[in-house]
Amino acid sequence: MTSEHESTDEVKRDRLTFYPVIVVSAIFCISIFIVIAATFGDQLNPANRWINRNANSVLIIETVVLVIVTLGAMTIDRVRTLKKLSQTKSSSPVAQESSDVD
């Protein structure tokens, strides 16, 4: 029972790693929708003028942040995976027997 509980805690922790990616991706998508909607709106509207002036900068910054957050999450996930694999190898009896045979 405890191993099942521990595994669900690990899954929740692993999912938490990618939540920032989801949030940044959602903000990025919303920004793109706003830029698209602004092209169909009144071009003399102050909000549309601001979007037309600053949309490229905002999207570039959001893209850089998205790449950084994504690479960070993937790196954290890979480190955790390798750590789990090394713990599994060192604790499995088959691995110990094969090292004894060599």
Protein backbone atom coordinates (compact mmCIF):
# COMPACT_ATOMS: atom_id res chain seq x y z
CA MET A 1 0.00 0.00 0.00
CA THR A 2 2.79 2.44 0.80
CA SER A 3 4.54 1.78 -2.50
CA GLU A 4 1.34 2.67 -4.37
CA HIS A 5 1.02 5.85 -2.31
CA GLU A 6 4.66 6.74 -2.95
CA SER A 7 4.29 6.19 -6.67
CA THR A 8 1.28 8.51 -6.88
CA ASP A 9 3.26 11.14 -4.97
CA GLU A 10 6.11 10.75 -7.46
CA VAL A 11 3.70 11.10 -10.38
CA LYS A 12 2.24 14.27 -8.86
CA ARG A 13 5.73 15.67 -8.33
CA ASP A 14 6.68 14.81 -11.91
CA ARG A 15 3.56 16.56 -13.19
CA LEU A 16 4.39 19.66 -11.16
CA THR A 17 7.60 19.95 -13.15
CA PHE A 18 5.66 20.69 -16.31
CA TYR A 19 2.97 23.01 -14.87
CA PRO A 20 5.05 26.15 -15.57
CA VAL A 21 5.35 25.01 -19.19
CA ILE A 22 1.56 24.73 -19.40
CA VAL A 23 1.06 28.19 -17.90
CA VAL A 24 3.62 29.88 -20.15
CA SER A 25 2.22 28.07 -23.20
CA ALA A 26 -1.31 29.21 -22.35
CA ILE A 27 -0.14 32.82 -21.99
CA PHE A 28 1.70 32.54 -25.31
CA CYS A 29 -1.40 31.19 -27.08
CA ILE A 30 -3.62 33.89 -25.60
CA SER A 31 -1.16 36.54 -26.76
CA ILE A 32 -1.25 35.17 -30.29
CA PHE A 33 -5.06 35.19 -30.25
CA ILE A 34 -5.01 38.80 -29.03
CA VAL A 35 -2.67 39.82 -31.85
CA ILE A 36 -4.88 38.08 -34.40
CA ALA A 37 -8.01 39.70 -32.98
CA ALA A 38 -6.34 43.11 -32.99
CA THR A 39 -5.75 42.88 -36.73
CA PHE A 40 -9.51 42.70 -37.27
CA GLY A 41 -10.31 45.55 -34.88
CA ASP A 42 -10.32 49.30 -35.24
CA GLN A 43 -6.72 50.33 -35.92
CA LEU A 44 -7.26 53.73 -34.26
CA ASN A 45 -8.16 52.13 -30.93
CA PRO A 46 -5.38 52.86 -28.38
CA ALA A 47 -5.17 49.19 -27.34
CA ASN A 48 -4.79 48.07 -30.94
CA ARG A 49 -2.14 50.72 -31.59
CA TRP A 50 -0.20 49.48 -28.55
CA ILE A 51 -0.53 45.88 -29.72
CA ASN A 52 0.63 46.81 -33.22
CA ARG A 53 3.69 48.61 -31.80
CA ASN A 54 4.69 46.02 -29.20
CA ALA A 55 3.35 42.64 -30.36
CA ASN A 56 6.63 41.47 -31.89
CA SER A 57 8.63 42.27 -28.76
CA VAL A 58 6.08 40.63 -26.48
CA LEU A 59 5.92 37.47 -28.60
CA ILE A 60 9.72 37.23 -28.81
CA ILE A 61 10.05 37.58 -25.04
CA GLU A 62 7.31 35.00 -24.48
CA THR A 63 8.98 32.61 -26.93
CA VAL A 64 12.32 32.91 -25.13
CA VAL A 65 10.65 32.37 -21.74
CA LEU A 66 8.76 29.36 -23.12
CA VAL A 67 11.96 27.80 -24.47
CA ILE A 68 13.81 28.37 -21.17
CA VAL A 69 10.98 26.97 -19.05
CA THR A 70 10.53 23.98 -21.36
CA LEU A 71 14.24 23.13 -21.42
CA GLY A 72 14.39 23.53 -17.65
CA ALA A 73 11.45 21.19 -17.11
CA MET A 74 12.88 18.61 -19.50
CA THR A 75 16.27 18.79 -17.79
CA ILE A 76 14.73 18.35 -14.34
CA ASP A 77 12.65 15.43 -15.61
CA ARG A 78 15.67 13.77 -17.21
CA VAL A 79 17.78 14.12 -14.06
CA ARG A 80 15.00 12.59 -11.97
CA THR A 81 14.56 9.76 -14.47
CA LEU A 82 18.27 8.94 -14.49
CA LYS A 83 18.33 9.08 -10.70
CA LYS A 84 15.40 6.63 -10.50
CA LEU A 85 17.08 4.32 -13.01
CA SER A 86 20.34 4.28 -11.08
CA GLN A 87 18.48 3.59 -7.83
CA THR A 88 16.52 0.79 -9.50
CA LYS A 89 19.68 -0.77 -10.93
CA SER A 90 21.54 -0.65 -7.63
CA SER A 91 18.64 -2.08 -5.64
CA SER A 92 17.58 -4.86 -8.03
CA PRO A 93 18.84 -8.34 -7.17
CA VAL A 94 19.39 -9.20 -10.85
CA ALA A 95 21.84 -6.33 -11.22
CA GLN A 96 23.71 -7.45 -8.12
CA GLU A 97 23.93 -11.05 -9.38
CA SER A 98 25.23 -9.97 -12.77
CA SER A 99 27.89 -7.80 -11.14
CA ASP A 100 28.93 -10.76 -8.95
CA VAL A 101 29.34 -12.99 -12.01
CA ASP A 102 31.73 -10.54 -13.72
